[in-house]
């Protein structure tokens, strides 16, 4: 039993935290009327469900956004090693940027940025 003292203490601590949070929730409970239970939308009642389907063009725009996010993830470590690696790192970054620009031009040509 002595070898399980730490695990038992951790279990008691987790149970105390869960019970404390539950007690706080019950003591600070608010009346849930239909007006306050709706999601906040600038004071306007929502016209559709939160899990409604999105148009397909949102997904293509999301992919373009993720491409630019990945570009930033790639550029930060590059800035740290560009001095040590030299010209090869600069050429590699420009090749990456050319590929990214070509992808954006392709998406633009295919109409991924048109919203109408």
PDB file of N, CA and C in Angstrom:
ATOM      1  N   UNK A   1       0.831  -1.199   0.000  1.00  0.00           N
ATOM      2  CA  UNK A   1       0.000   0.000   0.000  1.00  0.00           C
ATOM      3  C   UNK A   1       0.867   1.250   0.000  1.00  0.00           C
ATOM      4  N   UNK A   2       2.039   1.170   0.607  1.00  0.00           N
ATOM      5  CA  UNK A   2       2.920   2.324   0.696  1.00  0.00           C
ATOM      6  C   UNK A   2       3.410   2.754  -0.696  1.00  0.00           C
ATOM      7  N   UNK A   3       3.572   1.818  -1.624  1.00  0.00           N
ATOM      8  CA  UNK A   3       4.061   2.153  -2.960  1.00  0.00           C
ATOM      9  C   UNK A   3       2.998   2.872  -3.799  1.00  0.00           C
ATOM     10  N   UNK A   4       1.751   2.764  -3.423  1.00  0.00           N
ATOM     11  CA  UNK A   4       0.676   3.427  -4.156  1.00  0.00           C
ATOM     12  C   UNK A   4       0.243   4.738  -3.508  1.00  0.00           C
ATOM     13  N   UNK A   5       0.983   5.245  -2.557  1.00  0.00           N
ATOM     14  CA  UNK A   5       0.585   6.467  -1.836  1.00  0.00           C
ATOM     15  C   UNK A   5       0.551   7.673  -2.772  1.00  0.00           C
ATOM     16  N   UNK A   6       1.535   7.791  -3.671  1.00  0.00           N
ATOM     17  CA  UNK A   6       1.555   8.925  -4.602  1.00  0.00           C
ATOM     18  C   UNK A   6       0.376   8.895  -5.563  1.00  0.00           C
ATOM     19  N   UNK A   7       0.072   7.711  -6.087  1.00  0.00           N
ATOM     20  CA  UNK A   7      -1.058   7.595  -7.007  1.00  0.00           C
ATOM     21  C   UNK A   7      -2.377   7.874  -6.292  1.00  0.00           C
ATOM     22  N   UNK A   8      -2.487   7.420  -5.058  1.00  0.00           N
ATOM     23  CA  UNK A   8      -3.702   7.667  -4.288  1.00  0.00           C
ATOM     24  C   UNK A   8      -3.856   9.159  -3.986  1.00  0.00           C
ATOM     25  N   UNK A   9      -2.746   9.827  -3.658  1.00  0.00           N
ATOM     26  CA  UNK A   9      -2.793  11.277  -3.394  1.00  0.00           C
ATOM     27  C   UNK A   9      -3.186  12.034  -4.668  1.00  0.00           C
ATOM     28  N   UNK A  10      -2.660  11.610  -5.814  1.00  0.00           N
ATOM     29  CA  UNK A  10      -3.022  12.244  -7.073  1.00  0.00           C
ATOM     30  C   UNK A  10      -4.500  12.036  -7.397  1.00  0.00           C
ATOM     31  N   UNK A  11      -5.006  10.854  -7.149  1.00  0.00           N
ATOM     32  CA  UNK A  11      -6.416  10.560  -7.371  1.00  0.00           C
ATOM     33  C   UNK A  11      -7.294  11.429  -6.480  1.00  0.00           C
ATOM     34  N   UNK A  12      -6.902  11.592  -5.217  1.00  0.00           N
ATOM     35  CA  UNK A  12      -7.663  12.459  -4.314  1.00  0.00           C
ATOM     36  C   UNK A  12      -7.614  13.918  -4.765  1.00  0.00           C
ATOM     37  N   UNK A  13      -6.466  14.369  -5.241  1.00  0.00           N
ATOM     38  CA  UNK A  13      -6.348  15.750  -5.709  1.00  0.00           C
ATOM     39  C   UNK A  13      -7.231  15.988  -6.929  1.00  0.00           C
ATOM     40  N   UNK A  14      -7.245  15.047  -7.863  1.00  0.00           N
ATOM     41  CA  UNK A  14      -8.089  15.186  -9.051  1.00  0.00           C
ATOM     42  C   UNK A  14      -9.562  15.179  -8.660  1.00  0.00           C
ATOM     43  N   UNK A  15      -9.941  14.300  -7.762  1.00  0.00           N
ATOM     44  CA  UNK A  15     -11.328  14.253  -7.307  1.00  0.00           C
ATOM     45  C   UNK A  15     -11.713  15.555  -6.609  1.00  0.00           C
ATOM     46  N   UNK A  16     -10.805  16.129  -5.813  1.00  0.00           N
ATOM     47  CA  UNK A  16     -11.090  17.390  -5.131  1.00  0.00           C
ATOM     48  C   UNK A  16     -11.269  18.527  -6.133  1.00  0.00           C
ATOM     49  N   UNK A  17     -10.434  18.550  -7.166  1.00  0.00           N
ATOM     50  CA  UNK A  17     -10.560  19.599  -8.175  1.00  0.00           C
ATOM     51  C   UNK A  17     -11.881  19.457  -8.943  1.00  0.00           C
ATOM     52  N   UNK A  18     -12.233  18.238  -9.310  1.00  0.00           N
ATOM     53  CA  UNK A  18     -13.480  18.020 -10.047  1.00  0.00           C
ATOM     54  C   UNK A  18     -14.679  18.396  -9.184  1.00  0.00           C
ATOM     55  N   UNK A  19     -14.684  17.983  -7.941  1.00  0.00           N
ATOM     56  CA  UNK A  19     -15.792  18.340  -7.048  1.00  0.00           C
ATOM     57  C   UNK A  19     -15.839  19.841  -6.798  1.00  0.00           C
ATOM     58  N   UNK A  20     -14.686  20.484  -6.684  1.00  0.00           N
ATOM     59  CA  UNK A  20     -14.645  21.937  -6.505  1.00  0.00           C
ATOM     60  C   UNK A  20     -15.204  22.672  -7.706  1.00  0.00           C
ATOM     61  N   UNK A  21     -14.844  22.224  -8.892  1.00  0.00           N
ATOM     62  CA  UNK A  21     -15.377  22.856 -10.105  1.00  0.00           C
ATOM     63  C   UNK A  21     -16.886  22.638 -10.218  1.00  0.00           C
ATOM     64  N   UNK A  22     -17.340  21.450  -9.866  1.00  0.00           N
ATOM     65  CA  UNK A  22     -18.770  21.160  -9.917  1.00  0.00           C
ATOM     66  C   UNK A  22     -19.527  22.024  -8.907  1.00  0.00           C
ATOM     67  N   UNK A  23     -18.980  22.179  -7.715  1.00  0.00           N
ATOM     68  CA  UNK A  23     -19.618  23.029  -6.696  1.00  0.00           C
ATOM     69  C   UNK A  23     -19.639  24.485  -7.138  1.00  0.00           C
ATOM     70  N   UNK A  24     -18.569  24.945  -7.762  1.00  0.00           N
ATOM     71  CA  UNK A  24     -18.525  26.323  -8.264  1.00  0.00           C
ATOM     72  C   UNK A  24     -19.571  26.524  -9.347  1.00  0.00           C
ATOM     73  N   UNK A  25     -19.712  25.547 -10.210  1.00  0.00           N
ATOM     74  CA  UNK A  25     -20.712  25.637 -11.262  1.00  0.00           C
ATOM     75  C   UNK A  25     -22.123  25.711 -10.681  1.00  0.00           C
ATOM     76  N   UNK A  26     -22.397  24.897  -9.680  1.00  0.00           N
ATOM     77  CA  UNK A  26     -23.732  24.908  -9.075  1.00  0.00           C
ATOM     78  C   UNK A  26     -23.994  26.200  -8.316  1.00  0.00           C
ATOM     79  N   UNK A  27     -22.975  26.732  -7.654  1.00  0.00           N
ATOM     80  CA  UNK A  27     -23.196  27.947  -6.860  1.00  0.00           C
ATOM     81  C   UNK A  27     -23.314  29.186  -7.731  1.00  0.00           C
ATOM     82  N   UNK A  28     -22.675  29.189  -8.881  1.00  0.00           N
ATOM     83  CA  UNK A  28     -22.719  30.359  -9.755  1.00  0.00           C
ATOM     84  C   UNK A  28     -23.620  30.114 -10.957  1.00  0.00           C
ATOM     85  N   UNK A  29     -24.517  29.159 -10.866  1.00  0.00           N
ATOM     86  CA  UNK A  29     -25.375  28.820 -11.999  1.00  0.00           C
ATOM     87  C   UNK A  29     -26.284  29.967 -12.384  1.00  0.00           C
ATOM     88  N   UNK A  30     -26.428  30.181 -13.662  1.00  0.00           N
ATOM     89  CA  UNK A  30     -27.291  31.232 -14.179  1.00  0.00           C
ATOM     90  C   UNK A  30     -28.575  30.620 -14.710  1.00  0.00           C
ATOM     91  N   UNK A  31     -29.622  31.400 -14.711  1.00  0.00           N
ATOM     92  CA  UNK A  31     -30.882  30.934 -15.283  1.00  0.00           C
ATOM     93  C   UNK A  31     -30.719  30.839 -16.787  1.00  0.00           C
ATOM     94  N   UNK A  32     -31.012  29.689 -17.333  1.00  0.00           N
ATOM     95  CA  UNK A  32     -30.851  29.498 -18.771  1.00  0.00           C
ATOM     96  C   UNK A  32     -32.191  29.715 -19.462  1.00  0.00           C
ATOM     97  N   UNK A  33     -32.421  30.928 -19.833  1.00  0.00           N
ATOM     98  CA  UNK A  33     -33.610  31.247 -20.603  1.00  0.00           C
ATOM     99  C   UNK A  33     -33.262  31.146 -22.087  1.00  0.00           C
ATOM    100  N   UNK A  34     -34.246  31.016 -22.954  1.00  0.00           N
ATOM    101  CA  UNK A  34     -33.926  30.912 -24.388  1.00  0.00           C
ATOM    102  C   UNK A  34     -33.141  32.101 -24.924  1.00  0.00           C
ATOM    103  N   UNK A  35     -33.352  33.286 -24.369  1.00  0.00           N
ATOM    104  CA  UNK A  35     -32.655  34.464 -24.868  1.00  0.00           C
ATOM    105  C   UNK A  35     -31.168  34.410 -24.539  1.00  0.00           C
ATOM    106  N   UNK A  36     -30.800  33.964 -23.353  1.00  0.00           N
ATOM    107  CA  UNK A  36     -29.390  33.926 -22.977  1.00  0.00           C
ATOM    108  C   UNK A  36     -28.718  32.622 -23.363  1.00  0.00           C
ATOM    109  N   UNK A  37     -29.482  31.620 -23.740  1.00  0.00           N
ATOM    110  CA  UNK A  37     -28.878  30.347 -24.106  1.00  0.00           C
ATOM    111  C   UNK A  37     -28.451  30.300 -25.569  1.00  0.00           C
ATOM    112  N   UNK A  38     -28.870  31.278 -26.374  1.00  0.00           N
ATOM    113  CA  UNK A  38     -28.478  31.298 -27.779  1.00  0.00           C
ATOM    114  C   UNK A  38     -27.013  31.723 -27.906  1.00  0.00           C
ATOM    115  N   UNK A  39     -26.332  31.261 -28.940  1.00  0.00           N
ATOM    116  CA  UNK A  39     -24.953  31.718 -29.143  1.00  0.00           C
ATOM    117  C   UNK A  39     -24.930  33.197 -29.486  1.00  0.00           C
ATOM    118  N   UNK A  40     -23.880  33.869 -29.051  1.00  0.00           N
ATOM    119  CA  UNK A  40     -23.768  35.307 -29.278  1.00  0.00           C
ATOM    120  C   UNK A  40     -23.453  35.572 -30.741  1.00  0.00           C
ATOM    121  N   UNK A  41     -24.229  36.438 -31.358  1.00  0.00           N
ATOM    122  CA  UNK A  41     -24.036  36.758 -32.767  1.00  0.00           C
ATOM    123  C   UNK A  41     -24.235  38.255 -32.968  1.00  0.00           C
ATOM    124  N   UNK A  42     -23.596  39.059 -32.148  1.00  0.00           N
ATOM    125  CA  UNK A  42     -23.734  40.502 -32.282  1.00  0.00           C
ATOM    126  C   UNK A  42     -25.117  40.990 -31.920  1.00  0.00           C
ATOM    127  N   UNK A  43     -25.834  40.262 -31.079  1.00  0.00           N
ATOM    128  CA  UNK A  43     -27.172  40.657 -30.689  1.00  0.00           C
ATOM    129  C   UNK A  43     -28.248  40.193 -31.643  1.00  0.00           C
ATOM    130  N   UNK A  44     -27.863  39.543 -32.729  1.00  0.00           N
ATOM    131  CA  UNK A  44     -28.807  39.067 -33.729  1.00  0.00           C
ATOM    132  C   UNK A  44     -29.049  37.575 -33.503  1.00  0.00           C
ATOM    133  N   UNK A  45     -30.291  37.156 -33.590  1.00  0.00           N
ATOM    134  CA  UNK A  45     -30.601  35.743 -33.430  1.00  0.00           C
ATOM    135  C   UNK A  45     -30.003  34.950 -34.592  1.00  0.00           C
ATOM    136  N   UNK A  46     -29.392  33.812 -34.314  1.00  0.00           N
ATOM    137  CA  UNK A  46     -28.797  33.030 -35.411  1.00  0.00           C
ATOM    138  C   UNK A  46     -29.865  32.494 -36.355  1.00  0.00           C
ATOM    139  N   UNK A  47     -29.542  32.449 -37.643  1.00  0.00           N
ATOM    140  CA  UNK A  47     -30.500  32.009 -38.654  1.00  0.00           C
ATOM    141  C   UNK A  47     -30.284  30.555 -39.076  1.00  0.00           C
ATOM    142  N   UNK A  48     -29.174  29.944 -38.637  1.00  0.00           N
ATOM    143  CA  UNK A  48     -28.892  28.563 -38.996  1.00  0.00           C
ATOM    144  C   UNK A  48     -28.195  27.875 -37.828  1.00  0.00           C
ATOM    145  N   UNK A  49     -28.105  26.570 -37.909  1.00  0.00           N
ATOM    146  CA  UNK A  49     -27.469  25.800 -36.854  1.00  0.00           C
ATOM    147  C   UNK A  49     -25.956  25.980 -36.908  1.00  0.00           C
ATOM    148  N   UNK A  50     -25.326  25.795 -35.773  1.00  0.00           N
ATOM    149  CA  UNK A  50     -23.875  25.946 -35.705  1.00  0.00           C
ATOM    150  C   UNK A  50     -23.151  24.851 -36.475  1.00  0.00           C
ATOM    151  N   UNK A  51     -23.780  23.724 -36.677  1.00  0.00           N
ATOM    152  CA  UNK A  51     -23.149  22.614 -37.395  1.00  0.00           C
ATOM    153  C   UNK A  51     -23.653  22.511 -38.826  1.00  0.00           C
ATOM    154  N   UNK A  52     -24.142  23.620 -39.382  1.00  0.00           N
ATOM    155  CA  UNK A  52     -24.635  23.592 -40.754  1.00  0.00           C
ATOM    156  C   UNK A  52     -23.472  23.430 -41.723  1.00  0.00           C
ATOM    157  N   UNK A  53     -23.775  23.026 -42.921  1.00  0.00           N
ATOM    158  CA  UNK A  53     -22.740  22.786 -43.921  1.00  0.00           C
ATOM    159  C   UNK A  53     -22.243  24.091 -44.508  1.00  0.00           C
ATOM    160  N   UNK A  54     -20.973  24.080 -44.866  1.00  0.00           N
ATOM    161  CA  UNK A  54     -20.354  25.237 -45.501  1.00  0.00           C
ATOM    162  C   UNK A  54     -20.267  25.002 -47.003  1.00  0.00           C
ATOM    163  N   UNK A  55     -20.235  26.085 -47.740  1.00  0.00           N
ATOM    164  CA  UNK A  55     -20.070  25.972 -49.180  1.00  0.00           C
ATOM    165  C   UNK A  55     -18.658  25.459 -49.486  1.00  0.00           C
ATOM    166  N   UNK A  56     -18.494  24.765 -50.599  1.00  0.00           N
ATOM    167  CA  UNK A  56     -17.214  24.140 -50.938  1.00  0.00           C
ATOM    168  C   UNK A  56     -16.100  25.162 -51.127  1.00  0.00           C
ATOM    169  N   UNK A  57     -16.425  26.387 -51.520  1.00  0.00           N
ATOM    170  CA  UNK A  57     -15.361  27.370 -51.744  1.00  0.00           C
ATOM    171  C   UNK A  57     -14.652  27.762 -50.444  1.00  0.00           C
ATOM    172  N   UNK A  58     -15.283  27.569 -49.302  1.00  0.00           N
ATOM    173  CA  UNK A  58     -14.615  27.856 -48.033  1.00  0.00           C
ATOM    174  C   UNK A  58     -13.452  26.905 -47.807  1.00  0.00           C
ATOM    175  N   UNK A  59     -13.591  25.672 -48.261  1.00  0.00           N
ATOM    176  CA  UNK A  59     -12.530  24.692 -48.056  1.00  0.00           C
ATOM    177  C   UNK A  59     -11.296  25.034 -48.885  1.00  0.00           C
ATOM    178  N   UNK A  60     -11.497  25.501 -50.118  1.00  0.00           N
ATOM    179  CA  UNK A  60     -10.340  25.886 -50.937  1.00  0.00           C
ATOM    180  C   UNK A  60      -9.638  27.095 -50.342  1.00  0.00           C
ATOM    181  N   UNK A  61     -10.398  28.039 -49.814  1.00  0.00           N
ATOM    182  CA  UNK A  61      -9.777  29.203 -49.174  1.00  0.00           C
ATOM    183  C   UNK A  61      -9.018  28.781 -47.918  1.00  0.00           C
ATOM    184  N   UNK A  62      -9.541  27.800 -47.207  1.00  0.00           N
ATOM    185  CA  UNK A  62      -8.847  27.289 -46.031  1.00  0.00           C
ATOM    186  C   UNK A  62      -7.528  26.648 -46.416  1.00  0.00           C
ATOM    187  N   UNK A  63      -7.499  25.928 -47.514  1.00  0.00           N
ATOM    188  CA  UNK A  63      -6.256  25.302 -47.955  1.00  0.00           C
ATOM    189  C   UNK A  63      -5.215  26.352 -48.347  1.00  0.00           C
ATOM    190  N   UNK A  64      -5.648  27.448 -48.984  1.00  0.00           N
ATOM    191  CA  UNK A  64      -4.716  28.523 -49.321  1.00  0.00           C
ATOM    192  C   UNK A  64      -4.177  29.153 -48.040  1.00  0.00           C
ATOM    193  N   UNK A  65      -5.041  29.376 -47.060  1.00  0.00           N
ATOM    194  CA  UNK A  65      -4.594  29.930 -45.781  1.00  0.00           C
ATOM    195  C   UNK A  65      -3.585  29.006 -45.114  1.00  0.00           C
ATOM    196  N   UNK A  66      -3.848  27.704 -45.131  1.00  0.00           N
ATOM    197  CA  UNK A  66      -2.915  26.756 -44.523  1.00  0.00           C
ATOM    198  C   UNK A  66      -1.579  26.734 -45.256  1.00  0.00           C
ATOM    199  N   UNK A  67      -1.601  26.922 -46.563  1.00  0.00           N
ATOM    200  CA  UNK A  67      -0.347  26.985 -47.315  1.00  0.00           C
ATOM    201  C   UNK A  67       0.498  28.156 -46.844  1.00  0.00           C
ATOM    202  N   UNK A  68      -0.122  29.305 -46.611  1.00  0.00           N
ATOM    203  CA  UNK A  68       0.637  30.452 -46.111  1.00  0.00           C
ATOM    204  C   UNK A  68       1.076  30.242 -44.659  1.00  0.00           C
ATOM    205  N   UNK A  69       0.288  29.541 -43.881  1.00  0.00           N
ATOM    206  CA  UNK A  69       0.709  29.205 -42.522  1.00  0.00           C
ATOM    207  C   UNK A  69       1.940  28.313 -42.539  1.00  0.00           C
ATOM    208  N   UNK A  70       1.939  27.320 -43.390  1.00  0.00           N
ATOM    209  CA  UNK A  70       3.075  26.412 -43.494  1.00  0.00           C
ATOM    210  C   UNK A  70       4.294  27.166 -44.007  1.00  0.00           C
ATOM    211  N   UNK A  71       4.071  28.143 -44.859  1.00  0.00           N
ATOM    212  CA  UNK A  71       5.196  28.966 -45.323  1.00  0.00           C
ATOM    213  C   UNK A  71       5.872  29.659 -44.143  1.00  0.00           C
ATOM    214  N   UNK A  72       5.078  30.201 -43.240  1.00  0.00           N
ATOM    215  CA  UNK A  72       5.670  30.865 -42.080  1.00  0.00           C
ATOM    216  C   UNK A  72       6.386  29.865 -41.169  1.00  0.00           C
ATOM    217  N   UNK A  73       5.833  28.671 -41.043  1.00  0.00           N
ATOM    218  CA  UNK A  73       6.507  27.645 -40.245  1.00  0.00           C
ATOM    219  C   UNK A  73       7.837  27.241 -40.863  1.00  0.00           C
ATOM    220  N   UNK A  74       7.920  27.310 -42.179  1.00  0.00           N
ATOM    221  CA  UNK A  74       9.142  26.962 -42.872  1.00  0.00           C
ATOM    222  C   UNK A  74      10.147  28.109 -42.831  1.00  0.00           C
ATOM    223  N   UNK A  75       9.665  29.348 -42.864  1.00  0.00           N
ATOM    224  CA  UNK A  75      10.568  30.497 -42.918  1.00  0.00           C
ATOM    225  C   UNK A  75      11.257  30.785 -41.589  1.00  0.00           C
ATOM    226  N   UNK A  76      10.610  30.535 -40.481  1.00  0.00           N
ATOM    227  CA  UNK A  76      11.230  30.869 -39.192  1.00  0.00           C
ATOM    228  C   UNK A  76      12.518  30.087 -38.953  1.00  0.00           C
ATOM    229  N   UNK A  77      12.530  28.756 -39.060  1.00  0.00           N
ATOM    230  CA  UNK A  77      13.811  28.070 -38.875  1.00  0.00           C
ATOM    231  C   UNK A  77      14.812  28.425 -39.976  1.00  0.00           C
ATOM    232  N   UNK A  78      14.313  28.752 -41.155  1.00  0.00           N
ATOM    233  CA  UNK A  78      15.209  29.140 -42.246  1.00  0.00           C
ATOM    234  C   UNK A  78      15.980  30.394 -41.882  1.00  0.00           C
ATOM    235  N   UNK A  79      15.325  31.360 -41.243  1.00  0.00           N
ATOM    236  CA  UNK A  79      16.011  32.598 -40.869  1.00  0.00           C
ATOM    237  C   UNK A  79      17.100  32.345 -39.840  1.00  0.00           C
ATOM    238  N   UNK A  80      16.974  31.280 -39.077  1.00  0.00           N
ATOM    239  CA  UNK A  80      17.982  30.992 -38.068  1.00  0.00           C
ATOM    240  C   UNK A  80      19.230  30.334 -38.653  1.00  0.00           C
ATOM    241  N   UNK A  81      19.108  29.634 -39.773  1.00  0.00           N
ATOM    242  CA  UNK A  81      20.244  28.897 -40.325  1.00  0.00           C
ATOM    243  C   UNK A  81      20.729  29.448 -41.659  1.00  0.00           C
ATOM    244  N   UNK A  82      20.112  30.490 -42.185  1.00  0.00           N
ATOM    245  CA  UNK A  82      20.485  30.982 -43.508  1.00  0.00           C
ATOM    246  C   UNK A  82      21.926  31.476 -43.539  1.00  0.00           C
ATOM    247  N   UNK A  83      22.419  32.045 -42.463  1.00  0.00           N
ATOM    248  CA  UNK A  83      23.793  32.535 -42.443  1.00  0.00           C
ATOM    249  C   UNK A  83      24.780  31.366 -42.454  1.00  0.00           C
ATOM    250  N   UNK A  84      24.445  30.305 -41.751  1.00  0.00           N
ATOM    251  CA  UNK A  84      25.346  29.156 -41.682  1.00  0.00           C
ATOM    252  C   UNK A  84      25.347  28.356 -42.987  1.00  0.00           C
ATOM    253  N   UNK A  85      24.183  28.198 -43.604  1.00  0.00           N
ATOM    254  CA  UNK A  85      24.088  27.373 -44.806  1.00  0.00           C
ATOM    255  C   UNK A  85      24.567  28.135 -46.039  1.00  0.00           C
ATOM    256  N   UNK A  86      24.223  29.402 -46.126  1.00  0.00           N
ATOM    257  CA  UNK A  86      24.714  30.225 -47.225  1.00  0.00           C
ATOM    258  C   UNK A  86      23.735  30.333 -48.383  1.00  0.00           C
ATOM    259  N   UNK A  87      24.279  30.385 -49.586  1.00  0.00           N
ATOM    260  CA  UNK A  87      23.486  30.642 -50.792  1.00  0.00           C
ATOM    261  C   UNK A  87      22.501  29.515 -51.078  1.00  0.00           C
ATOM    262  N   UNK A  88      22.839  28.303 -50.692  1.00  0.00           N
ATOM    263  CA  UNK A  88      21.927  27.184 -50.942  1.00  0.00           C
ATOM    264  C   UNK A  88      20.606  27.387 -50.212  1.00  0.00           C
ATOM    265  N   UNK A  89      20.652  27.959 -49.014  1.00  0.00           N
ATOM    266  CA  UNK A  89      19.421  28.210 -48.258  1.00  0.00           C
ATOM    267  C   UNK A  89      18.581  29.287 -48.936  1.00  0.00           C
ATOM    268  N   UNK A  90      19.239  30.289 -49.500  1.00  0.00           N
ATOM    269  CA  UNK A  90      18.502  31.359 -50.184  1.00  0.00           C
ATOM    270  C   UNK A  90      17.831  30.800 -51.448  1.00  0.00           C
ATOM    271  N   UNK A  91      18.553  29.991 -52.204  1.00  0.00           N
ATOM    272  CA  UNK A  91      17.976  29.386 -53.411  1.00  0.00           C
ATOM    273  C   UNK A  91      16.808  28.487 -53.031  1.00  0.00           C
ATOM    274  N   UNK A  92      16.969  27.706 -51.973  1.00  0.00           N
ATOM    275  CA  UNK A  92      15.895  26.812 -51.529  1.00  0.00           C
ATOM    276  C   UNK A  92      14.640  27.597 -51.155  1.00  0.00           C
ATOM    277  N   UNK A  93      14.805  28.731 -50.468  1.00  0.00           N
ATOM    278  CA  UNK A  93      13.645  29.536 -50.080  1.00  0.00           C
ATOM    279  C   UNK A  93      12.968  30.136 -51.303  1.00  0.00           C
ATOM    280  N   UNK A  94      13.764  30.592 -52.280  1.00  0.00           N
ATOM    281  CA  UNK A  94      13.144  31.159 -53.466  1.00  0.00           C
ATOM    282  C   UNK A  94      12.417  30.093 -54.284  1.00  0.00           C
ATOM    283  N   UNK A  95      12.935  28.886 -54.335  1.00  0.00           N
ATOM    284  CA  UNK A  95      12.225  27.800 -55.011  1.00  0.00           C
ATOM    285  C   UNK A  95      10.899  27.528 -54.304  1.00  0.00           C
ATOM    286  N   UNK A  96      10.932  27.506 -52.976  1.00  0.00           N
ATOM    287  CA  UNK A  96       9.708  27.288 -52.200  1.00  0.00           C
ATOM    288  C   UNK A  96       8.696  28.404 -52.465  1.00  0.00           C
ATOM    289  N   UNK A  97       9.164  29.651 -52.487  1.00  0.00           N
ATOM    290  CA  UNK A  97       8.249  30.772 -52.727  1.00  0.00           C
ATOM    291  C   UNK A  97       7.689  30.742 -54.150  1.00  0.00           C
ATOM    292  N   UNK A  98       8.491  30.330 -55.121  1.00  0.00           N
ATOM    293  CA  UNK A  98       7.994  30.219 -56.498  1.00  0.00           C
ATOM    294  C   UNK A  98       6.897  29.163 -56.581  1.00  0.00           C
ATOM    295  N   UNK A  99       7.101  28.028 -55.910  1.00  0.00           N
ATOM    296  CA  UNK A  99       6.069  26.988 -55.902  1.00  0.00           C
ATOM    297  C   UNK A  99       4.791  27.507 -55.239  1.00  0.00           C
ATOM    298  N   UNK A 100       4.941  28.248 -54.151  1.00  0.00           N
ATOM    299  CA  UNK A 100       3.781  28.802 -53.463  1.00  0.00           C
ATOM    300  C   UNK A 100       3.053  29.823 -54.341  1.00  0.00           C
ATOM    301  N   UNK A 101       3.789  30.688 -55.015  1.00  0.00           N
ATOM    302  CA  UNK A 101       3.164  31.686 -55.894  1.00  0.00           C
ATOM    303  C   UNK A 101       2.461  30.994 -57.059  1.00  0.00           C
ATOM    304  N   UNK A 102       3.070  29.948 -57.603  1.00  0.00           N
ATOM    305  CA  UNK A 102       2.409  29.204 -58.678  1.00  0.00           C
ATOM    306  C   UNK A 102       1.107  28.567 -58.196  1.00  0.00           C
ATOM    307  N   UNK A 103       1.105  28.085 -56.967  1.00  0.00           N
ATOM    308  CA  UNK A 103      -0.122  27.511 -56.408  1.00  0.00           C
ATOM    309  C   UNK A 103      -1.198  28.573 -56.241  1.00  0.00           C
ATOM    310  N   UNK A 104      -0.811  29.770 -55.810  1.00  0.00           N
ATOM    311  CA  UNK A 104      -1.788  30.858 -55.651  1.00  0.00           C
ATOM    312  C   UNK A 104      -2.322  31.299 -57.010  1.00  0.00           C
ATOM    313  N   UNK A 105      -1.438  31.384 -58.013  1.00  0.00           N
ATOM    314  CA  UNK A 105      -1.888  31.752 -59.362  1.00  0.00           C
ATOM    315  C   UNK A 105      -2.854  30.704 -59.900  1.00  0.00           C
ATOM    316  N   UNK A 106      -2.561  29.433 -59.670  1.00  0.00           N
ATOM    317  CA  UNK A 106      -3.461  28.367 -60.107  1.00  0.00           C
ATOM    318  C   UNK A 106      -4.825  28.477 -59.406  1.00  0.00           C
ATOM    319  N   UNK A 107      -4.790  28.712 -58.082  1.00  0.00           N
ATOM    320  CA  UNK A 107      -6.049  28.850 -57.339  1.00  0.00           C
ATOM    321  C   UNK A 107      -6.835  30.060 -57.826  1.00  0.00           C
ATOM    322  N   UNK A 108      -6.143  31.139 -58.130  1.00  0.00           N
ATOM    323  CA  UNK A 108      -6.804  32.338 -58.635  1.00  0.00           C
ATOM    324  C   UNK A 108      -7.428  32.050 -60.006  1.00  0.00           C
ATOM    325  N   UNK A 109      -6.686  31.341 -60.874  1.00  0.00           N
ATOM    326  CA  UNK A 109      -7.194  31.023 -62.195  1.00  0.00           C
ATOM    327  C   UNK A 109      -8.406  30.102 -62.127  1.00  0.00           C
ATOM    328  N   UNK A 110      -8.428  29.213 -61.171  1.00  0.00           N
ATOM    329  CA  UNK A 110      -9.540  28.289 -61.017  1.00  0.00           C
ATOM    330  C   UNK A 110     -10.739  28.923 -60.318  1.00  0.00           C
ATOM    331  N   UNK A 111     -10.580  30.153 -59.822  1.00  0.00           N
ATOM    332  CA  UNK A 111     -11.696  30.857 -59.199  1.00  0.00           C
ATOM    333  C   UNK A 111     -11.858  30.597 -57.721  1.00  0.00           C
ATOM    334  N   UNK A 112     -10.788  30.202 -57.037  1.00  0.00           N
ATOM    335  CA  UNK A 112     -10.900  29.898 -55.611  1.00  0.00           C
ATOM    336  C   UNK A 112     -11.123  31.163 -54.793  1.00  0.00           C
ATOM    337  N   UNK A 113     -10.773  32.317 -55.340  1.00  0.00           N
ATOM    338  CA  UNK A 113     -10.913  33.559 -54.577  1.00  0.00           C
ATOM    339  C   UNK A 113     -12.190  34.328 -54.926  1.00  0.00           C
ATOM    340  N   UNK A 114     -13.015  33.793 -55.805  1.00  0.00           N
ATOM    341  CA  UNK A 114     -14.280  34.437 -56.135  1.00  0.00           C
ATOM    342  C   UNK A 114     -15.340  34.027 -55.121  1.00  0.00           C
ATOM    343  N   UNK A 115     -16.072  34.967 -54.591  1.00  0.00           N
ATOM    344  CA  UNK A 115     -17.067  34.674 -53.560  1.00  0.00           C
ATOM    345  C   UNK A 115     -18.491  34.704 -54.092  1.00  0.00           C
ATOM    346  N   UNK A 116     -18.684  35.149 -55.277  1.00  0.00           N
ATOM    347  CA  UNK A 116     -20.045  35.267 -55.804  1.00  0.00           C
ATOM    348  C   UNK A 116     -20.460  34.045 -56.574  1.00  0.00           C
TER     349      UNK A 116
END
